[in-house]
Amino acid sequence: MVATSKTLFVAQILLTLIFVVGGIIFPLFMTNLQATITTARSTISSVSNAAMFLGEALGGFAGGILIANFPGFWGIGIFTALLASISYLLYALTLHFW
């Protein structure tokens, strides 16, 4: 049986856009980080990968709690939007956008 829910379709489109943008931005962030200190490029790469995997583990933990306590994906959606906004704000405050 094929799912025909408009809500699911919208969710798939939004997730695709998020992952496309994230896939484009991640190499830019890594290049920017590695350009700050050229002598420690591998250290910066290793630490940022470790931080990324820690974030994935914590996000999975929080996601399980949110799925169990909120109807549908509302909890995860709000949680993701909030944390993505905070991360973009923190990055904008570094003035690397200008």
PDB file of N, CA and C in Angstrom:
ATOM      1  N   MET A   1       0.847  -1.179   0.000  1.00  0.00           N
ATOM      2  CA  MET A   1       0.000   0.000   0.000  1.00  0.00           C
ATOM      3  C   MET A   1       0.895   1.245   0.000  1.00  0.00           C
ATOM      4  N   VAL A   2       0.563   2.203  -0.831  1.00  0.00           N
ATOM      5  CA  VAL A   2       1.336   3.428  -0.954  1.00  0.00           C
ATOM      6  C   VAL A   2       0.699   4.506  -0.096  1.00  0.00           C
ATOM      7  N   ALA A   3       1.524   5.198   0.672  1.00  0.00           N
ATOM      8  CA  ALA A   3       1.019   6.295   1.497  1.00  0.00           C
ATOM      9  C   ALA A   3       0.708   7.491   0.603  1.00  0.00           C
ATOM     10  N   THR A   4      -0.470   8.051   0.749  1.00  0.00           N
ATOM     11  CA  THR A   4      -0.872   9.191  -0.077  1.00  0.00           C
ATOM     12  C   THR A   4      -1.165  10.433   0.748  1.00  0.00           C
ATOM     13  N   SER A   5      -0.774  10.444   1.983  1.00  0.00           N
ATOM     14  CA  SER A   5      -1.051  11.579   2.854  1.00  0.00           C
ATOM     15  C   SER A   5      -0.299  12.813   2.374  1.00  0.00           C
ATOM     16  N   LYS A   6      -0.989  13.926   2.290  1.00  0.00           N
ATOM     17  CA  LYS A   6      -0.338  15.173   1.914  1.00  0.00           C
ATOM     18  C   LYS A   6       0.666  15.595   2.973  1.00  0.00           C
ATOM     19  N   THR A   7       0.388  15.286   4.211  1.00  0.00           N
ATOM     20  CA  THR A   7       1.305  15.635   5.286  1.00  0.00           C
ATOM     21  C   THR A   7       2.624  14.885   5.123  1.00  0.00           C
ATOM     22  N   LEU A   8       2.569  13.614   4.778  1.00  0.00           N
ATOM     23  CA  LEU A   8       3.775  12.830   4.558  1.00  0.00           C
ATOM     24  C   LEU A   8       4.545  13.369   3.359  1.00  0.00           C
ATOM     25  N   PHE A   9       3.831  13.731   2.308  1.00  0.00           N
ATOM     26  CA  PHE A   9       4.482  14.286   1.120  1.00  0.00           C
ATOM     27  C   PHE A   9       5.209  15.582   1.462  1.00  0.00           C
ATOM     28  N   VAL A  10       4.550  16.452   2.191  1.00  0.00           N
ATOM     29  CA  VAL A  10       5.169  17.718   2.598  1.00  0.00           C
ATOM     30  C   VAL A  10       6.382  17.449   3.480  1.00  0.00           C
ATOM     31  N   ALA A  11       6.265  16.496   4.392  1.00  0.00           N
ATOM     32  CA  ALA A  11       7.390  16.156   5.263  1.00  0.00           C
ATOM     33  C   ALA A  11       8.573  15.644   4.451  1.00  0.00           C
ATOM     34  N   GLN A  12       8.313  14.820   3.456  1.00  0.00           N
ATOM     35  CA  GLN A  12       9.395  14.300   2.620  1.00  0.00           C
ATOM     36  C   GLN A  12      10.072  15.414   1.832  1.00  0.00           C
ATOM     37  N   ILE A  13       9.293  16.334   1.315  1.00  0.00           N
ATOM     38  CA  ILE A  13       9.866  17.459   0.567  1.00  0.00           C
ATOM     39  C   ILE A  13      10.720  18.325   1.485  1.00  0.00           C
ATOM     40  N   LEU A  14      10.200  18.645   2.664  1.00  0.00           N
ATOM     41  CA  LEU A  14      10.954  19.481   3.594  1.00  0.00           C
ATOM     42  C   LEU A  14      12.228  18.791   4.066  1.00  0.00           C
ATOM     43  N   LEU A  15      12.150  17.508   4.380  1.00  0.00           N
ATOM     44  CA  LEU A  15      13.349  16.781   4.795  1.00  0.00           C
ATOM     45  C   LEU A  15      14.379  16.723   3.673  1.00  0.00           C
ATOM     46  N   THR A  16      13.920  16.544   2.453  1.00  0.00           N
ATOM     47  CA  THR A  16      14.845  16.536   1.318  1.00  0.00           C
ATOM     48  C   THR A  16      15.555  17.873   1.200  1.00  0.00           C
ATOM     49  N   LEU A  17      14.816  18.963   1.316  1.00  0.00           N
ATOM     50  CA  LEU A  17      15.428  20.290   1.250  1.00  0.00           C
ATOM     51  C   LEU A  17      16.413  20.513   2.389  1.00  0.00           C
ATOM     52  N   ILE A  18      16.054  20.073   3.588  1.00  0.00           N
ATOM     53  CA  ILE A  18      16.942  20.232   4.739  1.00  0.00           C
ATOM     54  C   ILE A  18      18.240  19.467   4.521  1.00  0.00           C
ATOM     55  N   PHE A  19      18.135  18.227   4.039  1.00  0.00           N
ATOM     56  CA  PHE A  19      19.336  17.423   3.835  1.00  0.00           C
ATOM     57  C   PHE A  19      20.183  17.947   2.679  1.00  0.00           C
ATOM     58  N   VAL A  20      19.546  18.486   1.636  1.00  0.00           N
ATOM     59  CA  VAL A  20      20.311  19.070   0.533  1.00  0.00           C
ATOM     60  C   VAL A  20      21.081  20.291   1.025  1.00  0.00           C
ATOM     61  N   VAL A  21      20.406  21.173   1.751  1.00  0.00           N
ATOM     62  CA  VAL A  21      21.073  22.366   2.276  1.00  0.00           C
ATOM     63  C   VAL A  21      22.165  21.972   3.267  1.00  0.00           C
ATOM     64  N   GLY A  22      21.864  21.022   4.148  1.00  0.00           N
ATOM     65  CA  GLY A  22      22.875  20.554   5.099  1.00  0.00           C
ATOM     66  C   GLY A  22      24.066  19.932   4.405  1.00  0.00           C
ATOM     67  N   GLY A  23      23.822  19.201   3.329  1.00  0.00           N
ATOM     68  CA  GLY A  23      24.906  18.593   2.576  1.00  0.00           C
ATOM     69  C   GLY A  23      25.780  19.611   1.873  1.00  0.00           C
ATOM     70  N   ILE A  24      25.201  20.739   1.525  1.00  0.00           N
ATOM     71  CA  ILE A  24      25.979  21.806   0.897  1.00  0.00           C
ATOM     72  C   ILE A  24      26.723  22.618   1.949  1.00  0.00           C
ATOM     73  N   ILE A  25      26.087  22.870   3.078  1.00  0.00           N
ATOM     74  CA  ILE A  25      26.678  23.731   4.096  1.00  0.00           C
ATOM     75  C   ILE A  25      27.797  23.041   4.869  1.00  0.00           C
ATOM     76  N   PHE A  26      27.683  21.726   5.108  1.00  0.00           N
ATOM     77  CA  PHE A  26      28.686  21.036   5.924  1.00  0.00           C
ATOM     78  C   PHE A  26      30.106  21.186   5.367  1.00  0.00           C
ATOM     79  N   PRO A  27      30.348  20.955   4.073  1.00  0.00           N
ATOM     80  CA  PRO A  27      31.714  21.160   3.573  1.00  0.00           C
ATOM     81  C   PRO A  27      32.181  22.611   3.688  1.00  0.00           C
ATOM     82  N   LEU A  28      31.245  23.553   3.554  1.00  0.00           N
ATOM     83  CA  LEU A  28      31.626  24.958   3.711  1.00  0.00           C
ATOM     84  C   LEU A  28      32.054  25.259   5.142  1.00  0.00           C
ATOM     85  N   PHE A  29      31.316  24.712   6.115  1.00  0.00           N
ATOM     86  CA  PHE A  29      31.701  24.894   7.514  1.00  0.00           C
ATOM     87  C   PHE A  29      33.066  24.275   7.788  1.00  0.00           C
ATOM     88  N   MET A  30      33.297  23.069   7.262  1.00  0.00           N
ATOM     89  CA  MET A  30      34.575  22.395   7.491  1.00  0.00           C
ATOM     90  C   MET A  30      35.722  23.177   6.861  1.00  0.00           C
ATOM     91  N   THR A  31      35.525  23.690   5.659  1.00  0.00           N
ATOM     92  CA  THR A  31      36.557  24.490   5.004  1.00  0.00           C
ATOM     93  C   THR A  31      36.848  25.744   5.808  1.00  0.00           C
ATOM     94  N   ASN A  32      35.798  26.381   6.301  1.00  0.00           N
ATOM     95  CA  ASN A  32      35.954  27.586   7.105  1.00  0.00           C
ATOM     96  C   ASN A  32      36.695  27.286   8.405  1.00  0.00           C
ATOM     97  N   LEU A  33      36.323  26.194   9.068  1.00  0.00           N
ATOM     98  CA  LEU A  33      37.007  25.813  10.301  1.00  0.00           C
ATOM     99  C   LEU A  33      38.476  25.496  10.060  1.00  0.00           C
ATOM    100  N   GLN A  34      38.759  24.739   9.016  1.00  0.00           N
ATOM    101  CA  GLN A  34      40.133  24.335   8.749  1.00  0.00           C
ATOM    102  C   GLN A  34      40.993  25.495   8.267  1.00  0.00           C
ATOM    103  N   ALA A  35      40.388  26.516   7.707  1.00  0.00           N
ATOM    104  CA  ALA A  35      41.139  27.681   7.254  1.00  0.00           C
ATOM    105  C   ALA A  35      41.560  28.576   8.411  1.00  0.00           C
ATOM    106  N   THR A  36      40.917  28.436   9.565  1.00  0.00           N
ATOM    107  CA  THR A  36      41.266  29.299  10.694  1.00  0.00           C
ATOM    108  C   THR A  36      42.642  28.968  11.255  1.00  0.00           C
ATOM    109  N   ILE A  37      42.966  27.693  11.342  1.00  0.00           N
ATOM    110  CA  ILE A  37      44.278  27.265  11.841  1.00  0.00           C
ATOM    111  C   ILE A  37      44.795  26.202  10.881  1.00  0.00           C
ATOM    112  N   THR A  38      45.705  26.575  10.017  1.00  0.00           N
ATOM    113  CA  THR A  38      46.154  25.652   8.972  1.00  0.00           C
ATOM    114  C   THR A  38      47.052  24.547   9.506  1.00  0.00           C
ATOM    115  N   THR A  39      47.668  24.724  10.668  1.00  0.00           N
ATOM    116  CA  THR A  39      48.581  23.701  11.192  1.00  0.00           C
ATOM    117  C   THR A  39      47.852  22.573  11.906  1.00  0.00           C
ATOM    118  N   ALA A  40      46.574  22.737  12.210  1.00  0.00           N
ATOM    119  CA  ALA A  40      45.834  21.715  12.958  1.00  0.00           C
ATOM    120  C   ALA A  40      44.592  21.258  12.199  1.00  0.00           C
ATOM    121  N   ARG A  41      44.715  21.118  10.893  1.00  0.00           N
ATOM    122  CA  ARG A  41      43.546  20.757  10.080  1.00  0.00           C
ATOM    123  C   ARG A  41      42.974  19.402  10.458  1.00  0.00           C
ATOM    124  N   SER A  42      43.837  18.409  10.642  1.00  0.00           N
ATOM    125  CA  SER A  42      43.324  17.071  10.965  1.00  0.00           C
ATOM    126  C   SER A  42      42.719  17.036  12.359  1.00  0.00           C
ATOM    127  N   THR A  43      43.281  17.798  13.286  1.00  0.00           N
ATOM    128  CA  THR A  43      42.718  17.858  14.635  1.00  0.00           C
ATOM    129  C   THR A  43      41.336  18.493  14.602  1.00  0.00           C
ATOM    130  N   ILE A  44      41.198  19.570  13.863  1.00  0.00           N
ATOM    131  CA  ILE A  44      39.901  20.236  13.740  1.00  0.00           C
ATOM    132  C   ILE A  44      38.882  19.293  13.108  1.00  0.00           C
ATOM    133  N   SER A  45      39.298  18.567  12.085  1.00  0.00           N
ATOM    134  CA  SER A  45      38.397  17.624  11.428  1.00  0.00           C
ATOM    135  C   SER A  45      37.971  16.513  12.377  1.00  0.00           C
ATOM    136  N   SER A  46      38.917  15.975  13.137  1.00  0.00           N
ATOM    137  CA  SER A  46      38.596  14.886  14.069  1.00  0.00           C
ATOM    138  C   SER A  46      37.669  15.351  15.184  1.00  0.00           C
ATOM    139  N   VAL A  47      37.949  16.505  15.749  1.00  0.00           N
ATOM    140  CA  VAL A  47      37.118  17.014  16.846  1.00  0.00           C
ATOM    141  C   VAL A  47      35.719  17.358  16.345  1.00  0.00           C
ATOM    142  N   SER A  48      35.619  17.943  15.161  1.00  0.00           N
ATOM    143  CA  SER A  48      34.289  18.284  14.645  1.00  0.00           C
ATOM    144  C   SER A  48      33.498  17.025  14.308  1.00  0.00           C
ATOM    145  N   ASN A  49      34.157  15.980  13.813  1.00  0.00           N
ATOM    146  CA  ASN A  49      33.449  14.721  13.563  1.00  0.00           C
ATOM    147  C   ASN A  49      32.989  14.080  14.864  1.00  0.00           C
ATOM    148  N   ALA A  50      33.835  14.128  15.894  1.00  0.00           N
ATOM    149  CA  ALA A  50      33.434  13.583  17.195  1.00  0.00           C
ATOM    150  C   ALA A  50      32.242  14.351  17.757  1.00  0.00           C
ATOM    151  N   ALA A  51      32.261  15.671  17.616  1.00  0.00           N
ATOM    152  CA  ALA A  51      31.139  16.483  18.092  1.00  0.00           C
ATOM    153  C   ALA A  51      29.870  16.179  17.297  1.00  0.00           C
ATOM    154  N   MET A  52      30.020  15.940  15.991  1.00  0.00           N
ATOM    155  CA  MET A  52      28.861  15.614  15.166  1.00  0.00           C
ATOM    156  C   MET A  52      28.243  14.290  15.608  1.00  0.00           C
ATOM    157  N   PHE A  53      29.071  13.279  15.864  1.00  0.00           N
ATOM    158  CA  PHE A  53      28.537  11.984  16.283  1.00  0.00           C
ATOM    159  C   PHE A  53      27.941  12.050  17.687  1.00  0.00           C
ATOM    160  N   LEU A  54      28.508  12.866  18.556  1.00  0.00           N
ATOM    161  CA  LEU A  54      27.907  13.072  19.877  1.00  0.00           C
ATOM    162  C   LEU A  54      26.536  13.723  19.725  1.00  0.00           C
ATOM    163  N   GLY A  55      26.447  14.703  18.840  1.00  0.00           N
ATOM    164  CA  GLY A  55      25.159  15.347  18.577  1.00  0.00           C
ATOM    165  C   GLY A  55      24.136  14.381  18.014  1.00  0.00           C
ATOM    166  N   GLU A  56      24.575  13.470  17.150  1.00  0.00           N
ATOM    167  CA  GLU A  56      23.650  12.465  16.618  1.00  0.00           C
ATOM    168  C   GLU A  56      23.148  11.541  17.718  1.00  0.00           C
ATOM    169  N   ALA A  57      24.041  11.151  18.624  1.00  0.00           N
ATOM    170  CA  ALA A  57      23.633  10.271  19.725  1.00  0.00           C
ATOM    171  C   ALA A  57      22.644  10.980  20.649  1.00  0.00           C
ATOM    172  N   LEU A  58      22.941  12.222  21.000  1.00  0.00           N
ATOM    173  CA  LEU A  58      22.036  12.979  21.870  1.00  0.00           C
ATOM    174  C   LEU A  58      20.708  13.262  21.170  1.00  0.00           C
ATOM    175  N   GLY A  59      20.767  13.541  19.866  1.00  0.00           N
ATOM    176  CA  GLY A  59      19.540  13.762  19.105  1.00  0.00           C
ATOM    177  C   GLY A  59      18.679  12.513  19.029  1.00  0.00           C
ATOM    178  N   GLY A  60      19.313  11.354  18.887  1.00  0.00           N
ATOM    179  CA  GLY A  60      18.565  10.098  18.886  1.00  0.00           C
ATOM    180  C   GLY A  60      17.912   9.826  20.222  1.00  0.00           C
ATOM    181  N   PHE A  61      18.630  10.135  21.292  1.00  0.00           N
ATOM    182  CA  PHE A  61      18.074   9.977  22.641  1.00  0.00           C
ATOM    183  C   PHE A  61      16.870  10.896  22.830  1.00  0.00           C
ATOM    184  N   ALA A  62      17.043  12.171  22.466  1.00  0.00           N
ATOM    185  CA  ALA A  62      15.945  13.133  22.603  1.00  0.00           C
ATOM    186  C   ALA A  62      14.794  12.777  21.668  1.00  0.00           C
ATOM    187  N   GLY A  63      15.118  12.288  20.463  1.00  0.00           N
ATOM    188  CA  GLY A  63      14.073  11.917  19.511  1.00  0.00           C
ATOM    189  C   GLY A  63      13.183  10.801  20.023  1.00  0.00           C
ATOM    190  N   GLY A  64      13.778   9.823  20.701  1.00  0.00           N
ATOM    191  CA  GLY A  64      12.978   8.744  21.274  1.00  0.00           C
ATOM    192  C   GLY A  64      11.997   9.252  22.311  1.00  0.00           C
ATOM    193  N   ILE A  65      12.458  10.161  23.139  1.00  0.00           N
ATOM    194  CA  ILE A  65      11.584  10.748  24.163  1.00  0.00           C
ATOM    195  C   ILE A  65      10.471  11.569  23.508  1.00  0.00           C
ATOM    196  N   LEU A  66      10.824  12.345  22.486  1.00  0.00           N
ATOM    197  CA  LEU A  66       9.831  13.192  21.820  1.00  0.00           C
ATOM    198  C   LEU A  66       8.792  12.371  21.069  1.00  0.00           C
ATOM    199  N   ILE A  67       9.220  11.294  20.414  1.00  0.00           N
ATOM    200  CA  ILE A  67       8.257  10.438  19.705  1.00  0.00           C
ATOM    201  C   ILE A  67       7.292   9.795  20.690  1.00  0.00           C
ATOM    202  N   ALA A  68       7.798   9.414  21.854  1.00  0.00           N
ATOM    203  CA  ALA A  68       6.951   8.751  22.843  1.00  0.00           C
ATOM    204  C   ALA A  68       5.954   9.704  23.500  1.00  0.00           C
ATOM    205  N   ASN A  69       6.271  10.993  23.558  1.00  0.00           N
ATOM    206  CA  ASN A  69       5.448  11.917  24.334  1.00  0.00           C
ATOM    207  C   ASN A  69       4.659  12.938  23.518  1.00  0.00           C
ATOM    208  N   PHE A  70       4.897  13.044  22.212  1.00  0.00           N
ATOM    209  CA  PHE A  70       4.177  14.009  21.378  1.00  0.00           C
ATOM    210  C   PHE A  70       3.491  13.270  20.240  1.00  0.00           C
ATOM    211  N   PRO A  71       2.315  13.747  19.830  1.00  0.00           N
ATOM    212  CA  PRO A  71       1.623  13.080  18.715  1.00  0.00           C
ATOM    213  C   PRO A  71       2.335  13.353  17.389  1.00  0.00           C
ATOM    214  N   GLY A  72       2.465  12.331  16.580  1.00  0.00           N
ATOM    215  CA  GLY A  72       3.108  12.492  15.278  1.00  0.00           C
ATOM    216  C   GLY A  72       4.553  12.919  15.419  1.00  0.00           C
ATOM    217  N   PHE A  73       4.952  13.819  14.549  1.00  0.00           N
ATOM    218  CA  PHE A  73       6.329  14.304  14.574  1.00  0.00           C
ATOM    219  C   PHE A  73       6.421  15.764  15.026  1.00  0.00           C
ATOM    220  N   TRP A  74       5.393  16.245  15.713  1.00  0.00           N
ATOM    221  CA  TRP A  74       5.401  17.639  16.161  1.00  0.00           C
ATOM    222  C   TRP A  74       6.557  17.928  17.098  1.00  0.00           C
ATOM    223  N   GLY A  75       6.784  17.066  18.043  1.00  0.00           N
ATOM    224  CA  GLY A  75       7.867  17.286  19.005  1.00  0.00           C
ATOM    225  C   GLY A  75       9.219  17.335  18.332  1.00  0.00           C
ATOM    226  N   ILE A  76       9.454  16.394  17.426  1.00  0.00           N
ATOM    227  CA  ILE A  76      10.736  16.355  16.722  1.00  0.00           C
ATOM    228  C   ILE A  76      10.880  17.563  15.807  1.00  0.00           C
ATOM    229  N   GLY A  77       9.803  17.953  15.142  1.00  0.00           N
ATOM    230  CA  GLY A  77       9.856  19.109  14.256  1.00  0.00           C
ATOM    231  C   GLY A  77      10.186  20.393  14.990  1.00  0.00           C
ATOM    232  N   ILE A  78       9.520  20.615  16.107  1.00  0.00           N
ATOM    233  CA  ILE A  78       9.771  21.828  16.899  1.00  0.00           C
ATOM    234  C   ILE A  78      11.173  21.799  17.492  1.00  0.00           C
ATOM    235  N   PHE A  79      11.581  20.645  18.009  1.00  0.00           N
ATOM    236  CA  PHE A  79      12.918  20.478  18.581  1.00  0.00           C
ATOM    237  C   PHE A  79      13.995  20.756  17.525  1.00  0.00           C
ATOM    238  N   THR A  80      13.810  20.208  16.336  1.00  0.00           N
ATOM    239  CA  THR A  80      14.777  20.404  15.260  1.00  0.00           C
ATOM    240  C   THR A  80      14.823  21.859  14.816  1.00  0.00           C
ATOM    241  N   ALA A  81      13.665  22.474  14.641  1.00  0.00           N
ATOM    242  CA  ALA A  81      13.624  23.877  14.226  1.00  0.00           C
ATOM    243  C   ALA A  81      14.274  24.777  15.265  1.00  0.00           C
ATOM    244  N   LEU A  82      14.021  24.506  16.525  1.00  0.00           N
ATOM    245  CA  LEU A  82      14.602  25.314  17.598  1.00  0.00           C
ATOM    246  C   LEU A  82      16.121  25.198  17.616  1.00  0.00           C
ATOM    247  N   LEU A  83      16.636  23.972  17.592  1.00  0.00           N
ATOM    248  CA  LEU A  83      18.085  23.789  17.661  1.00  0.00           C
ATOM    249  C   LEU A  83      18.785  24.255  16.386  1.00  0.00           C
ATOM    250  N   ALA A  84      18.155  24.077  15.224  1.00  0.00           N
ATOM    251  CA  ALA A  84      18.746  24.583  13.985  1.00  0.00           C
ATOM    252  C   ALA A  84      18.801  26.108  14.010  1.00  0.00           C
ATOM    253  N   SER A  85      17.764  26.748  14.522  1.00  0.00           N
ATOM    254  CA  SER A  85      17.755  28.210  14.626  1.00  0.00           C
ATOM    255  C   SER A  85      18.848  28.702  15.563  1.00  0.00           C
ATOM    256  N   ILE A  86      19.023  28.009  16.675  1.00  0.00           N
ATOM    257  CA  ILE A  86      20.082  28.389  17.618  1.00  0.00           C
ATOM    258  C   ILE A  86      21.456  28.238  16.973  1.00  0.00           C
ATOM    259  N   SER A  87      21.671  27.141  16.248  1.00  0.00           N
ATOM    260  CA  SER A  87      22.983  26.941  15.622  1.00  0.00           C
ATOM    261  C   SER A  87      23.246  27.987  14.542  1.00  0.00           C
ATOM    262  N   TYR A  88      22.219  28.320  13.739  1.00  0.00           N
ATOM    263  CA  TYR A  88      22.400  29.355  12.722  1.00  0.00           C
ATOM    264  C   TYR A  88      22.652  30.715  13.365  1.00  0.00           C
ATOM    265  N   LEU A  89      21.969  31.003  14.461  1.00  0.00           N
ATOM    266  CA  LEU A  89      22.185  32.262  15.170  1.00  0.00           C
ATOM    267  C   LEU A  89      23.607  32.343  15.714  1.00  0.00           C
ATOM    268  N   LEU A  90      24.076  31.264  16.331  1.00  0.00           N
ATOM    269  CA  LEU A  90      25.443  31.258  16.855  1.00  0.00           C
ATOM    270  C   LEU A  90      26.463  31.443  15.742  1.00  0.00           C
ATOM    271  N   TYR A  91      26.235  30.794  14.614  1.00  0.00           N
ATOM    272  CA  TYR A  91      27.157  30.957  13.492  1.00  0.00           C
ATOM    273  C   TYR A  91      27.092  32.375  12.938  1.00  0.00           C
ATOM    274  N   ALA A  92      25.903  32.955  12.883  1.00  0.00           N
ATOM    275  CA  ALA A  92      25.766  34.328  12.385  1.00  0.00           C
ATOM    276  C   ALA A  92      26.477  35.316  13.305  1.00  0.00           C
ATOM    277  N   LEU A  93      26.489  35.036  14.596  1.00  0.00           N
ATOM    278  CA  LEU A  93      27.156  35.931  15.542  1.00  0.00           C
ATOM    279  C   LEU A  93      28.672  35.944  15.371  1.00  0.00           C
ATOM    280  N   THR A  94      29.232  34.937  14.704  1.00  0.00           N
ATOM    281  CA  THR A  94      30.676  34.929  14.456  1.00  0.00           C
ATOM    282  C   THR A  94      31.063  35.872  13.326  1.00  0.00           C
ATOM    283  N   LEU A  95      30.072  36.394  12.618  1.00  0.00           N
ATOM    284  CA  LEU A  95      30.249  37.333  11.506  1.00  0.00           C
ATOM    285  C   LEU A  95      30.969  36.716  10.313  1.00  0.00           C
ATOM    286  N   HIS A  96      30.945  35.389  10.169  1.00  0.00           N
ATOM    287  CA  HIS A  96      31.536  34.747   8.997  1.00  0.00           C
ATOM    288  C   HIS A  96      30.621  34.827   7.787  1.00  0.00           C
ATOM    289  N   PHE A  97      29.385  35.279   7.985  1.00  0.00           N
ATOM    290  CA  PHE A  97      28.472  35.451   6.859  1.00  0.00           C
ATOM    291  C   PHE A  97      28.813  36.707   6.062  1.00  0.00           C
ATOM    292  N   TRP A  98      29.492  37.628   6.661  1.00  0.00           N
ATOM    293  CA  TRP A  98      29.710  38.929   6.026  1.00  0.00           C
ATOM    294  C   TRP A  98      31.032  38.975   5.330  1.00  0.00           C
TER     295      TRP A  98
END
